[in-house]
């Protein structure tokens, strides 16, 4: 039970933080729960897709394998399924009527996925892993979700640039996720020195995007 609490506590804390940052019109709890469940459910196709892609990796040097696994197997696959879940569930919904809503729903989908992933890692590797992932990996998934939701929200309000913003809604999280995993998978000491600054950048970038859309979300569709 302690491991389960440790694994899920950061998910709950981040979810509450994002929920209360939505200061103009809180999103329906039922829809947020569905977004969270959608993130949980996509772990199934993600696992099978990642296994299939891993089996297809050609012989590559260490750097090439790390790049393939980080950007394509993990980054692209996971963010693509998050994006699909977000689009199918939220885009046609009438409650998606503010720019900031894109961030809220994208984060909840991401946290659903992160919850399953975190439970698996914490139960396999123990308490120390749980504490590390609580301040690094789980927030990282939420921050990738913020980047996705930022452009997803802009796409809703600027139809003349919708295609561009939708591409960015997938592209930026894939890049951010890929860099995160590439640093860890490569295990290069020089790159690892830049990991903490990169985490700080992710936090600052995510908070900046939330602040921007929070200010602009007074107008509703």
N, C-alpha and C. Protein backbone atom coordinates (compact mmCIF):
# COMPACT_ATOMS: atom_id res chain seq x y z
N UNK A 1 0.82 -1.21 0.00
CA UNK A 1 0.00 0.00 0.00
C UNK A 1 0.86 1.26 0.00
N UNK A 2 1.98 1.23 0.77
CA UNK A 2 2.86 2.39 0.82
C UNK A 2 3.46 2.69 -0.55
N UNK A 3 3.84 1.65 -1.28
CA UNK A 3 4.41 1.85 -2.61
C UNK A 3 3.36 2.42 -3.56
N UNK A 4 2.12 1.97 -3.43
CA UNK A 4 1.05 2.47 -4.29
C UNK A 4 0.80 3.95 -4.02
N UNK A 5 0.79 4.33 -2.75
CA UNK A 5 0.60 5.74 -2.38
C UNK A 5 1.75 6.58 -2.91
N UNK A 6 2.97 6.07 -2.74
CA UNK A 6 4.15 6.78 -3.23
C UNK A 6 4.09 6.98 -4.75
N UNK A 7 3.59 5.98 -5.45
CA UNK A 7 3.53 6.05 -6.91
C UNK A 7 2.46 7.01 -7.39
N UNK A 8 1.32 7.07 -6.67
CA UNK A 8 0.18 7.86 -7.14
C UNK A 8 0.12 9.26 -6.55
N UNK A 9 0.82 9.50 -5.44
CA UNK A 9 0.75 10.81 -4.79
C UNK A 9 1.18 11.95 -5.71
N UNK A 10 2.31 11.83 -6.42
CA UNK A 10 2.69 12.95 -7.30
C UNK A 10 1.68 13.20 -8.42
N UNK A 11 1.02 12.15 -8.89
CA UNK A 11 -0.01 12.30 -9.92
C UNK A 11 -1.17 13.13 -9.37
N UNK A 12 -1.61 12.82 -8.16
CA UNK A 12 -2.72 13.54 -7.54
C UNK A 12 -2.35 14.99 -7.26
N UNK A 13 -1.15 15.22 -6.76
CA UNK A 13 -0.71 16.58 -6.43
C UNK A 13 -0.68 17.46 -7.68
N UNK A 14 -0.11 16.93 -8.75
CA UNK A 14 -0.02 17.71 -9.99
C UNK A 14 -1.41 17.94 -10.58
N UNK A 15 -2.25 16.93 -10.53
CA UNK A 15 -3.62 17.06 -11.05
C UNK A 15 -4.37 18.17 -10.31
N UNK A 16 -4.25 18.20 -8.99
CA UNK A 16 -4.93 19.23 -8.21
C UNK A 16 -4.36 20.62 -8.50
N UNK A 17 -3.05 20.69 -8.66
CA UNK A 17 -2.40 21.97 -8.96
C UNK A 17 -2.92 22.54 -10.28
N UNK A 18 -2.95 21.72 -11.32
CA UNK A 18 -3.41 22.18 -12.63
C UNK A 18 -4.89 22.51 -12.58
N UNK A 19 -5.67 21.72 -11.87
CA UNK A 19 -7.12 21.97 -11.76
C UNK A 19 -7.39 23.35 -11.14
N UNK A 20 -6.67 23.68 -10.09
CA UNK A 20 -6.92 24.95 -9.40
C UNK A 20 -6.26 26.14 -10.11
N UNK A 21 -5.34 25.87 -11.05
CA UNK A 21 -4.79 26.96 -11.86
C UNK A 21 -5.78 27.42 -12.92
N UNK A 22 -6.79 26.61 -13.18
CA UNK A 22 -7.83 26.99 -14.15
C UNK A 22 -8.80 27.91 -13.42
N UNK A 23 -8.52 29.22 -13.45
CA UNK A 23 -9.19 30.15 -12.54
C UNK A 23 -10.51 30.71 -13.04
N UNK A 24 -10.84 30.56 -14.32
CA UNK A 24 -12.06 31.18 -14.84
C UNK A 24 -13.26 30.24 -14.80
N UNK A 25 -13.09 29.04 -15.29
CA UNK A 25 -14.21 28.09 -15.33
C UNK A 25 -13.66 26.69 -15.14
N UNK A 26 -13.89 26.11 -13.98
CA UNK A 26 -13.38 24.78 -13.70
C UNK A 26 -14.00 23.76 -14.65
N UNK A 27 -13.19 22.81 -15.08
CA UNK A 27 -13.68 21.77 -15.99
C UNK A 27 -14.49 20.72 -15.23
N UNK A 28 -15.47 20.10 -15.89
CA UNK A 28 -16.29 19.08 -15.21
C UNK A 28 -15.42 17.92 -14.70
N UNK A 29 -15.65 17.55 -13.46
CA UNK A 29 -14.84 16.48 -12.87
C UNK A 29 -15.00 15.16 -13.63
N UNK A 30 -16.22 14.92 -14.13
CA UNK A 30 -16.45 13.69 -14.88
C UNK A 30 -15.60 13.63 -16.14
N UNK A 31 -15.47 14.77 -16.83
CA UNK A 31 -14.68 14.80 -18.05
C UNK A 31 -13.19 14.70 -17.74
N UNK A 32 -12.77 15.31 -16.65
CA UNK A 32 -11.37 15.18 -16.23
C UNK A 32 -11.04 13.73 -15.88
N UNK A 33 -11.98 13.07 -15.23
CA UNK A 33 -11.79 11.66 -14.89
C UNK A 33 -11.68 10.82 -16.16
N UNK A 34 -12.51 11.12 -17.15
CA UNK A 34 -12.44 10.40 -18.42
C UNK A 34 -11.11 10.64 -19.11
N UNK A 35 -10.58 11.87 -19.03
CA UNK A 35 -9.27 12.17 -19.61
C UNK A 35 -8.18 11.36 -18.90
N UNK A 36 -8.31 11.26 -17.57
CA UNK A 36 -7.34 10.48 -16.80
C UNK A 36 -7.41 9.00 -17.19
N UNK A 37 -8.62 8.48 -17.31
CA UNK A 37 -8.82 7.08 -17.69
C UNK A 37 -8.31 6.83 -19.11
N UNK A 38 -8.53 7.81 -20.00
CA UNK A 38 -8.02 7.68 -21.37
C UNK A 38 -6.51 7.53 -21.37
N UNK A 39 -5.84 8.32 -20.51
CA UNK A 39 -4.38 8.20 -20.39
C UNK A 39 -3.96 6.84 -19.86
N UNK A 40 -4.77 6.29 -18.96
CA UNK A 40 -4.49 4.94 -18.44
C UNK A 40 -4.65 3.90 -19.53
N UNK A 41 -5.71 4.01 -20.30
CA UNK A 41 -6.02 3.00 -21.32
C UNK A 41 -5.02 2.97 -22.46
N UNK A 42 -4.45 4.13 -22.80
CA UNK A 42 -3.52 4.14 -23.93
C UNK A 42 -2.21 3.43 -23.62
N UNK A 43 -1.99 3.10 -22.34
CA UNK A 43 -0.77 2.36 -22.02
C UNK A 43 -0.76 0.99 -22.72
N UNK A 44 -1.94 0.45 -22.99
CA UNK A 44 -2.00 -0.87 -23.63
C UNK A 44 -1.48 -0.82 -25.06
N UNK A 45 -2.04 0.04 -25.95
CA UNK A 45 -1.47 0.11 -27.30
C UNK A 45 -0.04 0.63 -27.32
N UNK A 46 0.30 1.49 -26.37
CA UNK A 46 1.68 2.00 -26.31
C UNK A 46 2.66 0.87 -26.07
N UNK A 47 2.34 -0.01 -25.12
CA UNK A 47 3.24 -1.12 -24.81
C UNK A 47 3.46 -2.01 -26.03
N UNK A 48 2.39 -2.36 -26.72
CA UNK A 48 2.52 -3.24 -27.88
C UNK A 48 3.22 -2.55 -29.05
N UNK A 49 2.94 -1.27 -29.23
CA UNK A 49 3.59 -0.53 -30.31
C UNK A 49 5.08 -0.38 -30.04
N UNK A 50 5.43 -0.08 -28.80
CA UNK A 50 6.85 0.08 -28.46
C UNK A 50 7.60 -1.25 -28.60
N UNK A 51 6.95 -2.35 -28.23
CA UNK A 51 7.59 -3.65 -28.40
C UNK A 51 7.84 -3.95 -29.87
N UNK A 52 6.85 -3.65 -30.71
CA UNK A 52 6.99 -3.89 -32.15
C UNK A 52 8.10 -3.03 -32.74
N UNK A 53 8.17 -1.76 -32.33
CA UNK A 53 9.19 -0.86 -32.85
C UNK A 53 10.58 -1.26 -32.37
N UNK A 54 10.66 -1.71 -31.12
CA UNK A 54 11.96 -2.16 -30.58
C UNK A 54 12.48 -3.35 -31.37
N UNK A 55 11.58 -4.25 -31.76
CA UNK A 55 11.99 -5.43 -32.54
C UNK A 55 12.47 -5.05 -33.93
N UNK A 56 12.08 -3.86 -34.39
CA UNK A 56 12.45 -3.42 -35.73
C UNK A 56 13.74 -2.62 -35.78
N UNK A 57 14.34 -2.35 -34.62
CA UNK A 57 15.54 -1.53 -34.60
C UNK A 57 16.67 -2.22 -35.35
N UNK A 58 17.24 -1.58 -36.37
CA UNK A 58 18.37 -2.18 -37.09
C UNK A 58 19.63 -2.09 -36.24
N UNK A 59 20.68 -2.81 -36.62
CA UNK A 59 21.94 -2.70 -35.88
C UNK A 59 22.45 -1.26 -35.93
N UNK A 60 22.62 -0.68 -34.78
CA UNK A 60 23.05 0.72 -34.70
C UNK A 60 24.10 0.87 -33.61
N UNK A 61 24.95 1.89 -33.71
CA UNK A 61 25.86 2.18 -32.60
C UNK A 61 25.06 2.61 -31.37
N UNK A 62 25.72 2.70 -30.24
CA UNK A 62 25.04 3.01 -28.98
C UNK A 62 24.24 4.31 -29.08
N UNK A 63 24.86 5.33 -29.68
CA UNK A 63 24.17 6.62 -29.81
C UNK A 63 22.92 6.50 -30.68
N UNK A 64 23.03 5.71 -31.75
CA UNK A 64 21.89 5.53 -32.65
C UNK A 64 20.75 4.79 -31.98
N UNK A 65 21.09 3.77 -31.22
CA UNK A 65 20.05 3.01 -30.50
C UNK A 65 19.36 3.88 -29.46
N UNK A 66 20.16 4.69 -28.75
CA UNK A 66 19.58 5.58 -27.74
C UNK A 66 18.66 6.60 -28.39
N UNK A 67 19.08 7.13 -29.54
CA UNK A 67 18.25 8.10 -30.25
C UNK A 67 16.95 7.47 -30.72
N UNK A 68 17.03 6.28 -31.32
CA UNK A 68 15.85 5.59 -31.82
C UNK A 68 14.87 5.30 -30.69
N UNK A 69 15.39 4.76 -29.59
CA UNK A 69 14.54 4.42 -28.45
C UNK A 69 13.92 5.66 -27.80
N UNK A 70 14.72 6.73 -27.68
CA UNK A 70 14.25 7.92 -26.98
C UNK A 70 13.24 8.71 -27.79
N UNK A 71 13.56 8.96 -29.05
CA UNK A 71 12.71 9.86 -29.84
C UNK A 71 11.58 9.14 -30.57
N UNK A 72 11.83 7.92 -31.02
CA UNK A 72 10.81 7.22 -31.81
C UNK A 72 10.01 6.21 -30.98
N UNK A 73 10.71 5.30 -30.32
CA UNK A 73 10.00 4.27 -29.56
C UNK A 73 9.24 4.88 -28.39
N UNK A 74 9.92 5.68 -27.57
CA UNK A 74 9.27 6.26 -26.39
C UNK A 74 8.60 7.59 -26.71
N UNK A 75 9.38 8.58 -27.13
CA UNK A 75 8.85 9.92 -27.32
C UNK A 75 7.70 10.00 -28.30
N UNK A 76 7.91 9.53 -29.52
CA UNK A 76 6.88 9.66 -30.55
C UNK A 76 5.67 8.78 -30.23
N UNK A 77 5.90 7.53 -29.86
CA UNK A 77 4.79 6.62 -29.60
C UNK A 77 3.91 7.10 -28.46
N UNK A 78 4.51 7.42 -27.33
CA UNK A 78 3.73 7.82 -26.16
C UNK A 78 3.00 9.13 -26.38
N UNK A 79 3.68 10.11 -26.97
CA UNK A 79 3.02 11.40 -27.19
C UNK A 79 1.97 11.32 -28.29
N UNK A 80 2.17 10.45 -29.28
CA UNK A 80 1.18 10.28 -30.33
C UNK A 80 -0.13 9.73 -29.76
N UNK A 81 -0.04 8.70 -28.93
CA UNK A 81 -1.26 8.13 -28.36
C UNK A 81 -1.92 9.08 -27.37
N UNK A 82 -1.12 9.86 -26.64
CA UNK A 82 -1.71 10.90 -25.78
C UNK A 82 -2.48 11.91 -26.64
N UNK A 83 -1.87 12.31 -27.75
CA UNK A 83 -2.49 13.29 -28.63
C UNK A 83 -3.79 12.76 -29.22
N UNK A 84 -3.77 11.50 -29.65
CA UNK A 84 -4.99 10.88 -30.21
C UNK A 84 -6.09 10.84 -29.17
N UNK A 85 -5.75 10.42 -27.94
CA UNK A 85 -6.75 10.36 -26.87
C UNK A 85 -7.30 11.75 -26.58
N UNK A 86 -6.42 12.73 -26.52
CA UNK A 86 -6.83 14.11 -26.25
C UNK A 86 -7.77 14.62 -27.34
N UNK A 87 -7.41 14.37 -28.58
CA UNK A 87 -8.21 14.86 -29.69
C UNK A 87 -9.59 14.20 -29.73
N UNK A 88 -9.63 12.89 -29.62
CA UNK A 88 -10.91 12.18 -29.71
C UNK A 88 -11.84 12.52 -28.56
N UNK A 89 -11.31 12.69 -27.38
CA UNK A 89 -12.14 12.92 -26.20
C UNK A 89 -12.51 14.38 -26.02
N UNK A 90 -11.57 15.29 -26.28
CA UNK A 90 -11.74 16.68 -25.89
C UNK A 90 -12.11 17.62 -27.03
N UNK A 91 -11.55 17.41 -28.21
CA UNK A 91 -11.76 18.37 -29.29
C UNK A 91 -13.25 18.63 -29.58
N UNK A 92 -14.10 17.61 -29.69
CA UNK A 92 -15.51 17.88 -30.00
C UNK A 92 -16.34 18.29 -28.79
N UNK A 93 -15.75 18.32 -27.61
CA UNK A 93 -16.52 18.57 -26.39
C UNK A 93 -16.76 20.07 -26.19
N UNK A 94 -17.99 20.43 -25.86
CA UNK A 94 -18.35 21.84 -25.70
C UNK A 94 -17.66 22.48 -24.48
N UNK A 95 -17.18 21.67 -23.55
CA UNK A 95 -16.49 22.22 -22.39
C UNK A 95 -15.07 22.70 -22.72
N UNK A 96 -14.59 22.35 -23.88
CA UNK A 96 -13.30 22.85 -24.34
C UNK A 96 -13.54 24.21 -24.97
N UNK A 97 -13.66 25.23 -24.12
CA UNK A 97 -14.05 26.56 -24.59
C UNK A 97 -13.12 27.68 -24.14
N UNK A 98 -11.96 27.32 -23.58
CA UNK A 98 -10.94 28.29 -23.21
C UNK A 98 -9.58 27.75 -23.63
N UNK A 99 -8.65 28.65 -23.89
CA UNK A 99 -7.31 28.22 -24.29
C UNK A 99 -6.66 27.36 -23.22
N UNK A 100 -6.82 27.77 -21.96
CA UNK A 100 -6.18 27.04 -20.87
C UNK A 100 -6.72 25.63 -20.72
N UNK A 101 -7.94 25.39 -21.21
CA UNK A 101 -8.53 24.05 -21.13
C UNK A 101 -7.66 23.02 -21.84
N UNK A 102 -7.01 23.45 -22.93
CA UNK A 102 -6.13 22.52 -23.64
C UNK A 102 -5.05 21.97 -22.74
N UNK A 103 -4.48 22.85 -21.91
CA UNK A 103 -3.44 22.42 -20.96
C UNK A 103 -4.03 21.49 -19.92
N UNK A 104 -5.17 21.85 -19.36
CA UNK A 104 -5.79 21.03 -18.30
C UNK A 104 -6.03 19.61 -18.78
N UNK A 105 -6.69 19.48 -19.92
CA UNK A 105 -7.04 18.14 -20.40
C UNK A 105 -5.81 17.35 -20.85
N UNK A 106 -4.86 18.02 -21.50
CA UNK A 106 -3.65 17.33 -21.94
C UNK A 106 -2.84 16.82 -20.75
N UNK A 107 -2.79 17.60 -19.70
CA UNK A 107 -2.07 17.17 -18.49
C UNK A 107 -2.76 15.98 -17.85
N UNK A 108 -4.09 15.98 -17.81
CA UNK A 108 -4.81 14.87 -17.19
C UNK A 108 -4.62 13.58 -18.00
N UNK A 109 -4.63 13.68 -19.32
CA UNK A 109 -4.34 12.50 -20.14
C UNK A 109 -2.92 12.01 -19.85
N UNK A 110 -1.98 12.94 -19.80
CA UNK A 110 -0.58 12.58 -19.54
C UNK A 110 -0.41 11.96 -18.16
N UNK A 111 -1.14 12.48 -17.18
CA UNK A 111 -1.03 11.95 -15.82
C UNK A 111 -1.63 10.56 -15.71
N UNK A 112 -2.66 10.27 -16.50
CA UNK A 112 -3.20 8.92 -16.51
C UNK A 112 -2.15 7.93 -16.97
N UNK A 113 -1.45 8.30 -18.05
CA UNK A 113 -0.38 7.45 -18.54
C UNK A 113 0.75 7.35 -17.52
N UNK A 114 1.14 8.50 -16.95
CA UNK A 114 2.24 8.52 -15.98
C UNK A 114 1.92 7.69 -14.75
N UNK A 115 0.64 7.64 -14.35
CA UNK A 115 0.25 6.88 -13.17
C UNK A 115 0.55 5.40 -13.35
N UNK A 116 0.16 4.85 -14.50
CA UNK A 116 0.41 3.44 -14.76
C UNK A 116 1.91 3.17 -14.84
N UNK A 117 2.62 4.00 -15.58
CA UNK A 117 4.06 3.83 -15.73
C UNK A 117 4.76 3.92 -14.38
N UNK A 118 4.33 4.87 -13.54
CA UNK A 118 4.99 5.06 -12.26
C UNK A 118 4.73 3.89 -11.32
N UNK A 119 3.51 3.38 -11.30
CA UNK A 119 3.21 2.21 -10.47
C UNK A 119 4.09 1.03 -10.86
N UNK A 120 4.26 0.82 -12.16
CA UNK A 120 5.09 -0.29 -12.64
C UNK A 120 6.54 -0.13 -12.19
N UNK A 121 7.09 1.07 -12.33
CA UNK A 121 8.49 1.30 -11.95
C UNK A 121 8.69 1.23 -10.45
N UNK A 122 7.78 1.84 -9.69
CA UNK A 122 7.95 1.87 -8.23
C UNK A 122 7.83 0.47 -7.63
N UNK A 123 6.88 -0.33 -8.12
CA UNK A 123 6.73 -1.69 -7.60
C UNK A 123 7.91 -2.57 -8.01
N UNK A 124 8.54 -2.24 -9.13
CA UNK A 124 9.67 -3.05 -9.58
C UNK A 124 10.98 -2.65 -8.91
N UNK A 125 11.16 -1.33 -8.70
CA UNK A 125 12.47 -0.85 -8.24
C UNK A 125 12.47 -0.26 -6.84
N UNK A 126 11.30 -0.04 -6.24
CA UNK A 126 11.27 0.33 -4.84
C UNK A 126 11.14 1.81 -4.51
N UNK A 127 11.30 2.09 -3.22
CA UNK A 127 11.02 3.41 -2.66
C UNK A 127 11.91 4.50 -3.24
N UNK A 128 13.21 4.25 -3.35
CA UNK A 128 14.12 5.27 -3.85
C UNK A 128 13.72 5.72 -5.25
N UNK A 129 13.40 4.76 -6.09
CA UNK A 129 12.93 5.09 -7.44
C UNK A 129 11.65 5.92 -7.38
N UNK A 130 10.78 5.59 -6.44
CA UNK A 130 9.53 6.32 -6.29
C UNK A 130 9.77 7.79 -5.97
N UNK A 131 10.69 8.07 -5.06
CA UNK A 131 10.98 9.46 -4.70
C UNK A 131 11.63 10.21 -5.86
N UNK A 132 12.52 9.56 -6.57
CA UNK A 132 13.17 10.21 -7.71
C UNK A 132 12.16 10.53 -8.80
N UNK A 133 11.32 9.55 -9.12
CA UNK A 133 10.33 9.75 -10.17
C UNK A 133 9.26 10.77 -9.77
N UNK A 134 9.04 10.93 -8.48
CA UNK A 134 8.04 11.89 -8.01
C UNK A 134 8.42 13.32 -8.35
N UNK A 135 9.72 13.60 -8.42
CA UNK A 135 10.16 14.97 -8.71
C UNK A 135 10.74 15.11 -10.11
N UNK A 136 10.87 13.98 -10.82
CA UNK A 136 11.48 14.05 -12.16
C UNK A 136 10.54 13.51 -13.23
N UNK A 137 10.28 12.22 -13.22
CA UNK A 137 9.57 11.58 -14.34
C UNK A 137 8.09 11.92 -14.41
N UNK A 138 7.38 11.87 -13.27
CA UNK A 138 5.95 12.19 -13.30
C UNK A 138 5.72 13.65 -13.68
N UNK A 139 6.43 14.61 -13.05
CA UNK A 139 6.28 15.99 -13.50
C UNK A 139 6.67 16.18 -14.96
N UNK A 140 7.65 15.40 -15.44
CA UNK A 140 8.06 15.53 -16.84
C UNK A 140 6.91 15.19 -17.77
N UNK A 141 6.19 14.11 -17.48
CA UNK A 141 5.02 13.76 -18.31
C UNK A 141 3.99 14.89 -18.29
N UNK A 142 3.78 15.48 -17.12
CA UNK A 142 2.84 16.60 -17.02
C UNK A 142 3.33 17.78 -17.84
N UNK A 143 4.63 18.04 -17.81
CA UNK A 143 5.20 19.16 -18.55
C UNK A 143 5.14 18.94 -20.05
N UNK A 144 5.32 17.68 -20.48
CA UNK A 144 5.11 17.38 -21.90
C UNK A 144 3.65 17.64 -22.26
N UNK A 145 2.76 17.31 -21.33
CA UNK A 145 1.33 17.56 -21.54
C UNK A 145 1.02 19.04 -21.63
N UNK A 146 1.70 19.86 -20.84
CA UNK A 146 1.50 21.30 -20.91
C UNK A 146 1.87 21.83 -22.28
N UNK A 147 3.03 21.36 -22.81
CA UNK A 147 3.45 21.79 -24.15
C UNK A 147 2.41 21.39 -25.20
N UNK A 148 1.89 20.16 -25.08
CA UNK A 148 0.87 19.69 -26.01
C UNK A 148 -0.40 20.52 -25.87
N UNK A 149 -0.87 20.69 -24.65
CA UNK A 149 -2.11 21.41 -24.41
C UNK A 149 -2.03 22.88 -24.76
N UNK A 150 -0.85 23.47 -24.64
CA UNK A 150 -0.66 24.88 -25.00
C UNK A 150 -1.02 25.11 -26.46
N UNK A 151 -0.44 24.30 -27.34
CA UNK A 151 -0.71 24.46 -28.76
C UNK A 151 -2.09 23.93 -29.14
N UNK A 152 -2.55 22.93 -28.41
CA UNK A 152 -3.90 22.39 -28.64
C UNK A 152 -4.94 23.47 -28.36
N UNK A 153 -4.74 24.21 -27.28
CA UNK A 153 -5.64 25.30 -26.95
C UNK A 153 -5.59 26.42 -27.96
N UNK A 154 -4.40 26.77 -28.45
CA UNK A 154 -4.27 27.81 -29.46
C UNK A 154 -4.95 27.38 -30.77
N UNK A 155 -4.84 26.10 -31.10
CA UNK A 155 -5.46 25.59 -32.33
C UNK A 155 -6.97 25.78 -32.29
N UNK A 156 -7.54 25.67 -31.11
CA UNK A 156 -8.99 25.81 -30.95
C UNK A 156 -9.45 27.24 -31.27
N UNK A 157 -8.62 28.22 -30.88
CA UNK A 157 -9.03 29.62 -30.98
C UNK A 157 -8.54 30.34 -32.23
N UNK A 158 -7.57 29.75 -32.93
CA UNK A 158 -7.03 30.39 -34.13
C UNK A 158 -7.15 29.44 -35.32
N UNK A 159 -8.35 29.31 -35.87
CA UNK A 159 -8.58 28.35 -36.97
C UNK A 159 -7.71 28.60 -38.19
N UNK A 160 -7.30 29.87 -38.40
CA UNK A 160 -6.47 30.17 -39.56
C UNK A 160 -5.06 29.57 -39.41
N UNK A 161 -4.65 29.25 -38.19
CA UNK A 161 -3.34 28.63 -37.94
C UNK A 161 -3.50 27.25 -37.32
N UNK A 162 -4.67 26.66 -37.45
CA UNK A 162 -4.99 25.42 -36.75
C UNK A 162 -4.03 24.29 -37.10
N UNK A 163 -3.76 24.11 -38.39
CA UNK A 163 -2.89 23.01 -38.81
C UNK A 163 -1.50 23.16 -38.20
N UNK A 164 -0.97 24.38 -38.22
CA UNK A 164 0.36 24.63 -37.66
C UNK A 164 0.39 24.33 -36.17
N UNK A 165 -0.61 24.81 -35.44
CA UNK A 165 -0.64 24.60 -34.00
C UNK A 165 -0.86 23.12 -33.65
N UNK A 166 -1.63 22.41 -34.44
CA UNK A 166 -1.84 20.98 -34.17
C UNK A 166 -0.56 20.19 -34.40
N UNK A 167 0.20 20.57 -35.42
CA UNK A 167 1.49 19.92 -35.65
C UNK A 167 2.42 20.18 -34.47
N UNK A 168 2.43 21.43 -34.01
CA UNK A 168 3.28 21.77 -32.86
C UNK A 168 2.82 21.06 -31.60
N UNK A 169 1.52 20.84 -31.47
CA UNK A 169 0.98 20.16 -30.28
C UNK A 169 1.52 18.75 -30.14
N UNK A 170 1.91 18.16 -31.26
CA UNK A 170 2.53 16.83 -31.21
C UNK A 170 4.05 16.92 -31.27
N UNK A 171 4.56 17.82 -32.10
CA UNK A 171 6.00 17.90 -32.34
C UNK A 171 6.78 18.29 -31.08
N UNK A 172 6.33 19.33 -30.39
CA UNK A 172 7.09 19.81 -29.24
C UNK A 172 7.16 18.80 -28.10
N UNK A 173 6.06 18.16 -27.72
CA UNK A 173 6.17 17.13 -26.68
C UNK A 173 7.08 15.97 -27.07
N UNK A 174 7.06 15.58 -28.35
CA UNK A 174 7.94 14.50 -28.81
C UNK A 174 9.40 14.90 -28.64
N UNK A 175 9.73 16.13 -29.02
CA UNK A 175 11.11 16.61 -28.89
C UNK A 175 11.53 16.69 -27.43
N UNK A 176 10.68 17.30 -26.60
CA UNK A 176 11.00 17.43 -25.17
C UNK A 176 11.15 16.06 -24.51
N UNK A 177 10.24 15.15 -24.83
CA UNK A 177 10.27 13.79 -24.30
C UNK A 177 11.51 13.05 -24.80
N UNK A 178 11.80 13.21 -26.09
CA UNK A 178 12.95 12.53 -26.67
C UNK A 178 14.26 12.96 -26.04
N UNK A 179 14.43 14.25 -25.84
CA UNK A 179 15.66 14.75 -25.20
C UNK A 179 15.78 14.20 -23.79
N UNK A 180 14.68 14.21 -23.04
CA UNK A 180 14.66 13.69 -21.67
C UNK A 180 15.15 12.25 -21.63
N UNK A 181 14.55 11.39 -22.48
CA UNK A 181 14.90 9.97 -22.48
C UNK A 181 16.30 9.73 -23.06
N UNK A 182 16.68 10.52 -24.08
CA UNK A 182 17.98 10.33 -24.72
C UNK A 182 19.12 10.54 -23.72
N UNK A 183 19.00 11.57 -22.90
CA UNK A 183 20.04 11.84 -21.90
C UNK A 183 20.18 10.66 -20.95
N UNK A 184 19.05 10.12 -20.51
CA UNK A 184 19.09 9.00 -19.56
C UNK A 184 19.53 7.70 -20.22
N UNK A 185 19.06 7.44 -21.44
CA UNK A 185 19.38 6.18 -22.10
C UNK A 185 20.84 6.11 -22.55
N UNK A 186 21.39 7.24 -22.97
CA UNK A 186 22.77 7.22 -23.46
C UNK A 186 23.75 7.00 -22.32
N UNK A 187 23.42 7.58 -21.15
CA UNK A 187 24.28 7.38 -19.99
C UNK A 187 25.63 8.06 -20.09
N UNK A 188 25.73 9.06 -20.96
CA UNK A 188 26.97 9.81 -21.12
C UNK A 188 27.12 10.79 -19.96
N UNK A 189 28.28 10.73 -19.29
CA UNK A 189 28.47 11.56 -18.10
C UNK A 189 28.38 13.05 -18.40
N UNK A 190 28.87 13.45 -19.55
CA UNK A 190 28.81 14.87 -19.92
C UNK A 190 27.36 15.30 -20.11
N UNK A 191 26.58 14.47 -20.84
CA UNK A 191 25.17 14.79 -21.03
C UNK A 191 24.41 14.77 -19.71
N UNK A 192 24.76 13.84 -18.83
CA UNK A 192 24.07 13.74 -17.54
C UNK A 192 24.26 15.00 -16.70
N UNK A 193 25.39 15.69 -16.90
CA UNK A 193 25.62 16.94 -16.19
C UNK A 193 24.59 18.00 -16.59
N UNK A 194 24.06 17.85 -17.80
CA UNK A 194 23.06 18.80 -18.26
C UNK A 194 21.64 18.38 -17.96
N UNK A 195 21.46 17.23 -17.28
CA UNK A 195 20.10 16.73 -17.05
C UNK A 195 19.33 17.61 -16.07
N UNK A 196 19.96 17.99 -14.97
CA UNK A 196 19.28 18.84 -13.98
C UNK A 196 18.92 20.20 -14.59
N UNK A 197 19.86 20.87 -15.31
CA UNK A 197 19.46 22.11 -15.98
C UNK A 197 18.30 21.90 -16.96
N UNK A 198 18.27 20.74 -17.61
CA UNK A 198 17.18 20.47 -18.55
C UNK A 198 15.86 20.33 -17.80
N UNK A 199 15.87 19.67 -16.65
CA UNK A 199 14.65 19.55 -15.84
C UNK A 199 14.18 20.93 -15.40
N UNK A 200 15.13 21.78 -15.00
CA UNK A 200 14.78 23.14 -14.60
C UNK A 200 14.16 23.90 -15.77
N UNK A 201 14.73 23.70 -16.97
CA UNK A 201 14.17 24.32 -18.17
C UNK A 201 12.74 23.85 -18.41
N UNK A 202 12.50 22.55 -18.26
CA UNK A 202 11.14 22.01 -18.47
C UNK A 202 10.15 22.66 -17.50
N UNK A 203 10.53 22.75 -16.24
CA UNK A 203 9.67 23.37 -15.24
C UNK A 203 9.37 24.83 -15.62
N UNK A 204 10.42 25.59 -15.93
CA UNK A 204 10.24 27.00 -16.26
C UNK A 204 9.40 27.18 -17.53
N UNK A 205 9.65 26.34 -18.53
CA UNK A 205 8.92 26.43 -19.78
C UNK A 205 7.44 26.10 -19.56
N UNK A 206 7.18 25.07 -18.78
CA UNK A 206 5.80 24.69 -18.51
C UNK A 206 5.05 25.75 -17.73
N UNK A 207 5.67 26.30 -16.70
CA UNK A 207 5.02 27.35 -15.90
C UNK A 207 4.79 28.60 -16.74
N UNK A 208 5.74 28.90 -17.64
CA UNK A 208 5.59 30.06 -18.52
C UNK A 208 4.38 29.89 -19.44
N UNK A 209 4.24 28.71 -20.03
CA UNK A 209 3.12 28.46 -20.93
C UNK A 209 1.79 28.51 -20.17
N UNK A 210 1.76 27.98 -18.96
CA UNK A 210 0.54 28.05 -18.16
C UNK A 210 0.18 29.49 -17.83
N UNK A 211 1.17 30.28 -17.52
CA UNK A 211 0.92 31.69 -17.18
C UNK A 211 0.36 32.45 -18.37
N UNK A 212 0.92 32.18 -19.55
CA UNK A 212 0.46 32.87 -20.76
C UNK A 212 -1.01 32.56 -21.04
N UNK A 213 -1.36 31.28 -21.06
CA UNK A 213 -2.73 30.91 -21.40
C UNK A 213 -3.71 31.23 -20.28
N UNK A 214 -3.23 31.24 -19.05
CA UNK A 214 -4.09 31.60 -17.92
C UNK A 214 -4.55 33.05 -18.06
N UNK A 215 -3.66 33.90 -18.52
CA UNK A 215 -3.99 35.32 -18.70
C UNK A 215 -4.94 35.52 -19.88
N UNK A 216 -4.86 34.62 -20.86
CA UNK A 216 -5.64 34.81 -22.09
C UNK A 216 -6.97 34.05 -22.08
N UNK A 217 -7.29 33.38 -20.98
CA UNK A 217 -8.45 32.49 -20.97
C UNK A 217 -9.73 33.12 -20.45
N UNK A 218 -9.77 34.44 -20.35
CA UNK A 218 -11.01 35.08 -19.93
C UNK A 218 -12.09 35.01 -21.01
N UNK A 219 -11.64 34.97 -22.27
CA UNK A 219 -12.60 34.89 -23.38
C UNK A 219 -12.91 33.44 -23.69
N UNK A 220 -14.20 33.13 -23.85
CA UNK A 220 -14.61 31.75 -24.10
C UNK A 220 -15.25 31.64 -25.48
N UNK A 221 -15.18 30.47 -26.04
CA UNK A 221 -15.88 30.19 -27.29
C UNK A 221 -17.38 30.06 -27.04
